[in-house]
Amino acid sequence: MHGKLKPKGPALTRLHVRVKSPHSTRGRLVGGGVDLAATIGRSGLSVLKREGDGASPRGGFRIVGGFYRPDRFGSRPRAGILLVPLRPDDGWCDDPSDGNYNRPVRCPYPRSHEAMWRDDHAYDVVLVLDFNLRPRIRGGGSAIFFHLAHADGRPTAGCMALKRADMLKLLPRLSARTTIFFG
């Protein structure tokens, strides 16, 4: 069952991720006429986010950019923010000891990183939230992405995810002024 979303409407400035308890991995993304099923990190919510803990951070975070897989869409998805085409060699550094920690990198990359070009469709659309970007705290957790839900419904590694159809309906109402509040 898909949630409720007004297909057209004003740009959204505030969305909230609501979960039943801090340990829940499933909740709702709500605000401005939006009410959608959302999945978060396998460890639920955390005030003290650490690299690799599987938690989604409590707090409010703006959308600072986004990517899409051009081979999975006939054209760039309609969005209120700029979506940049991903390339097969795109990655994201998650090694706290590396100078590029929590930054995009080109693969192959010699240090620990996450491939952005994935087979599982999770990053067919992926938005970057402004968690631990400026200033970066080493070990404080790398990127918190807003991406597509896994087909099997499993929790994320700390990000937030929506079903593809819900994300595509929501994208036109998002902007660089949209803040997503966890908790």
Protein backbone atom coordinates (compact mmCIF):
# COMPACT_ATOMS: atom_id res chain seq x y z
CA MET A 1 0.00 0.00 0.00
CA HIS A 2 1.35 3.39 -0.95
CA GLY A 3 0.95 6.33 1.36
CA LYS A 4 -0.90 9.52 0.67
CA LEU A 5 0.70 12.30 -1.30
CA LYS A 6 -0.85 15.24 -3.03
CA PRO A 7 0.57 14.78 -6.55
CA LYS A 8 1.00 18.50 -7.01
CA GLY A 9 1.42 21.21 -4.48
CA PRO A 10 3.76 23.78 -3.06
CA ALA A 11 7.40 23.02 -2.37
CA LEU A 12 7.90 21.28 0.93
CA THR A 13 10.11 22.93 3.53
CA ARG A 14 9.61 20.55 6.49
CA LEU A 15 9.18 16.80 6.53
CA HIS A 16 9.31 14.57 9.60
CA VAL A 17 10.33 10.93 9.92
CA ARG A 18 8.07 9.46 12.60
CA VAL A 19 8.79 6.07 14.17
CA LYS A 20 6.94 4.25 16.96
CA SER A 21 10.08 3.90 19.10
CA PRO A 22 13.77 4.90 18.81
CA HIS A 23 14.57 1.28 17.89
CA SER A 24 12.01 1.03 15.06
CA THR A 25 13.30 0.81 11.50
CA ARG A 26 9.98 1.54 9.81
CA GLY A 27 8.01 4.71 10.11
CA ARG A 28 6.27 7.45 8.18
CA LEU A 29 7.54 10.49 6.32
CA VAL A 30 4.95 13.18 7.03
CA GLY A 31 4.31 16.89 6.44
CA GLY A 32 2.68 19.24 3.94
CA GLY A 33 0.10 16.70 2.78
CA VAL A 34 2.70 13.91 2.62
CA ASP A 35 2.21 10.64 4.52
CA LEU A 36 4.46 7.89 3.16
CA ALA A 37 5.91 4.64 4.47
CA ALA A 38 9.64 5.12 5.15
CA THR A 39 12.48 2.87 6.21
CA ILE A 40 15.44 4.04 8.31
CA GLY A 41 18.63 2.56 9.73
CA ARG A 42 18.82 -0.99 11.11
CA SER A 43 19.65 0.39 14.59
CA GLY A 44 16.79 2.91 14.66
CA LEU A 45 17.46 6.51 15.73
CA SER A 46 20.52 7.79 17.60
CA VAL A 47 21.54 11.09 19.14
CA LEU A 48 25.22 10.08 18.99
CA LYS A 49 25.75 8.83 15.43
CA ARG A 50 29.01 6.94 14.76
CA GLU A 51 30.50 5.49 11.59
CA GLY A 52 29.09 2.02 10.88
CA ASP A 53 26.54 1.95 13.75
CA GLY A 54 23.57 1.45 11.39
CA ALA A 55 21.61 4.24 13.09
CA SER A 56 19.80 7.18 11.54
CA PRO A 57 20.75 10.44 13.26
CA ARG A 58 18.21 12.47 15.23
CA GLY A 59 17.91 16.05 14.03
CA GLY A 60 16.99 18.12 11.00
CA PHE A 61 18.94 17.91 7.76
CA ARG A 62 18.61 19.78 4.47
CA ILE A 63 18.84 18.22 1.04
CA VAL A 64 22.10 19.44 -0.49
CA GLY A 65 22.07 17.56 -3.79
CA GLY A 66 21.07 14.43 -5.58
CA PHE A 67 21.94 11.80 -8.15
CA TYR A 68 20.09 9.43 -10.45
CA ARG A 69 21.01 6.42 -12.60
CA PRO A 70 20.55 7.61 -16.20
CA ASP A 71 20.45 4.03 -17.50
CA ARG A 72 17.38 3.33 -15.35
CA PHE A 73 15.31 6.32 -16.55
CA GLY A 74 14.30 7.47 -20.03
CA SER A 75 15.01 11.06 -18.95
CA ARG A 76 16.06 12.89 -15.81
CA PRO A 77 13.36 12.43 -13.13
CA ARG A 78 11.26 15.54 -12.47
CA ALA A 79 12.59 17.12 -9.31
CA GLY A 80 12.66 20.44 -7.45
CA ILE A 81 16.41 19.99 -6.93
CA LEU A 82 19.16 19.32 -9.42
CA LEU A 83 19.73 15.60 -9.94
CA VAL A 84 23.17 14.81 -11.39
CA PRO A 85 23.64 11.64 -13.45
CA LEU A 86 25.63 8.97 -11.62
CA ARG A 87 28.55 7.33 -13.41
CA PRO A 88 29.71 3.73 -12.98
CA ASP A 89 32.89 4.93 -11.23
CA ASP A 90 31.13 7.08 -8.59
CA GLY A 91 31.78 6.23 -4.97
CA TRP A 92 31.54 7.77 -1.48
CA CYS A 93 34.45 7.55 0.99
CA ASP A 94 33.51 6.10 4.39
CA ASP A 95 37.02 5.78 5.83
CA PRO A 96 37.35 8.21 8.80
CA SER A 97 41.16 8.27 8.45
CA ASP A 98 41.04 9.40 4.80
CA GLY A 99 41.15 13.06 3.75
CA ASN A 100 38.13 12.43 1.50
CA TYR A 101 36.03 11.03 4.36
CA ASN A 102 32.33 11.66 3.71
CA ARG A 103 32.98 12.99 0.22
CA PRO A 104 32.33 11.65 -3.28
CA VAL A 105 35.27 9.78 -4.85
CA ARG A 106 36.06 8.03 -8.13
CA CYS A 107 36.40 4.24 -8.15
CA PRO A 108 38.51 2.30 -7.95
CA TYR A 109 39.45 4.10 -4.74
CA PRO A 110 42.27 2.81 -2.52
CA ARG A 111 40.49 3.35 0.81
CA SER A 112 37.12 2.18 2.17
CA HIS A 113 34.24 3.53 0.14
CA GLU A 114 30.72 2.76 -0.96
CA ALA A 115 29.92 2.24 -4.64
CA MET A 116 27.17 4.62 -5.76
CA TRP A 117 26.47 2.64 -8.96
CA ARG A 118 24.61 -0.32 -7.48
CA ASP A 119 22.82 -3.34 -8.89
CA ASP A 120 20.05 -3.35 -6.25
CA HIS A 121 18.29 -0.15 -7.46
CA ALA A 122 18.57 1.58 -4.04
CA TYR A 123 20.59 4.43 -5.56
CA ASP A 124 18.62 4.80 -8.79
CA VAL A 125 17.63 8.06 -7.08
CA VAL A 126 19.73 9.19 -4.11
CA LEU A 127 19.62 12.53 -2.32
CA VAL A 128 22.41 13.75 -0.04
CA LEU A 129 21.41 15.21 3.34
CA ASP A 130 23.68 17.73 5.10
CA PHE A 131 24.67 15.39 7.91
CA ASN A 132 28.35 15.62 8.98
CA LEU A 133 29.41 17.61 5.93
CA ARG A 134 30.56 20.99 7.33
CA PRO A 135 32.42 20.54 9.53
CA ARG A 136 33.17 16.85 9.06
CA ILE A 137 33.73 14.97 12.29
CA ARG A 138 35.94 11.95 11.65
CA GLY A 139 34.09 8.81 12.69
CA GLY A 140 30.88 10.80 13.18
CA GLY A 141 29.14 8.94 10.38
CA SER A 142 29.46 9.31 6.65
CA ALA A 143 26.66 10.27 4.31
CA ILE A 144 23.04 10.06 5.31
CA PHE A 145 21.30 9.53 2.00
CA PHE A 146 17.61 9.64 1.14
CA HIS A 147 17.25 6.85 -1.42
CA LEU A 148 14.96 4.14 -2.77
CA ALA A 149 13.83 1.33 -0.48
CA HIS A 150 15.28 -2.15 -0.90
CA ALA A 151 12.90 -4.50 -2.71
CA ASP A 152 12.81 -6.84 0.31
CA GLY A 153 11.92 -3.99 2.71
CA ARG A 154 15.04 -4.38 4.86
CA PRO A 155 16.32 -1.41 6.90
CA THR A 156 19.06 0.87 5.59
CA ALA A 157 22.58 1.34 6.97
CA GLY A 158 21.42 4.65 8.53
CA CYS A 159 19.80 6.43 5.61
CA MET A 160 16.09 6.96 4.89
CA ALA A 161 14.35 5.18 2.03
CA LEU A 162 11.01 5.31 0.19
CA LYS A 163 9.43 3.09 -2.42
CA ARG A 164 10.34 4.17 -5.95
CA ALA A 165 6.82 5.32 -6.89
CA ASP A 166 6.57 7.43 -3.73
CA MET A 167 10.01 9.00 -4.29
CA LEU A 168 9.17 9.92 -7.88
CA LYS A 169 5.94 11.62 -6.76
CA LEU A 170 7.72 13.45 -3.94
CA LEU A 171 10.77 14.70 -5.89
CA PRO A 172 9.04 17.65 -7.64
CA ARG A 173 8.02 19.07 -4.23
CA LEU A 174 11.52 18.94 -2.74
CA SER A 175 14.05 21.75 -2.86
CA ALA A 176 17.31 22.89 -1.29
CA ARG A 177 15.08 24.51 1.37
CA THR A 178 13.52 21.18 2.36
CA THR A 179 14.58 19.99 5.82
CA ILE A 180 13.94 16.43 6.92
CA PHE A 181 13.64 15.91 10.67
CA PHE A 182 14.42 12.47 12.13
CA GLY A 183 12.72 11.68 15.44
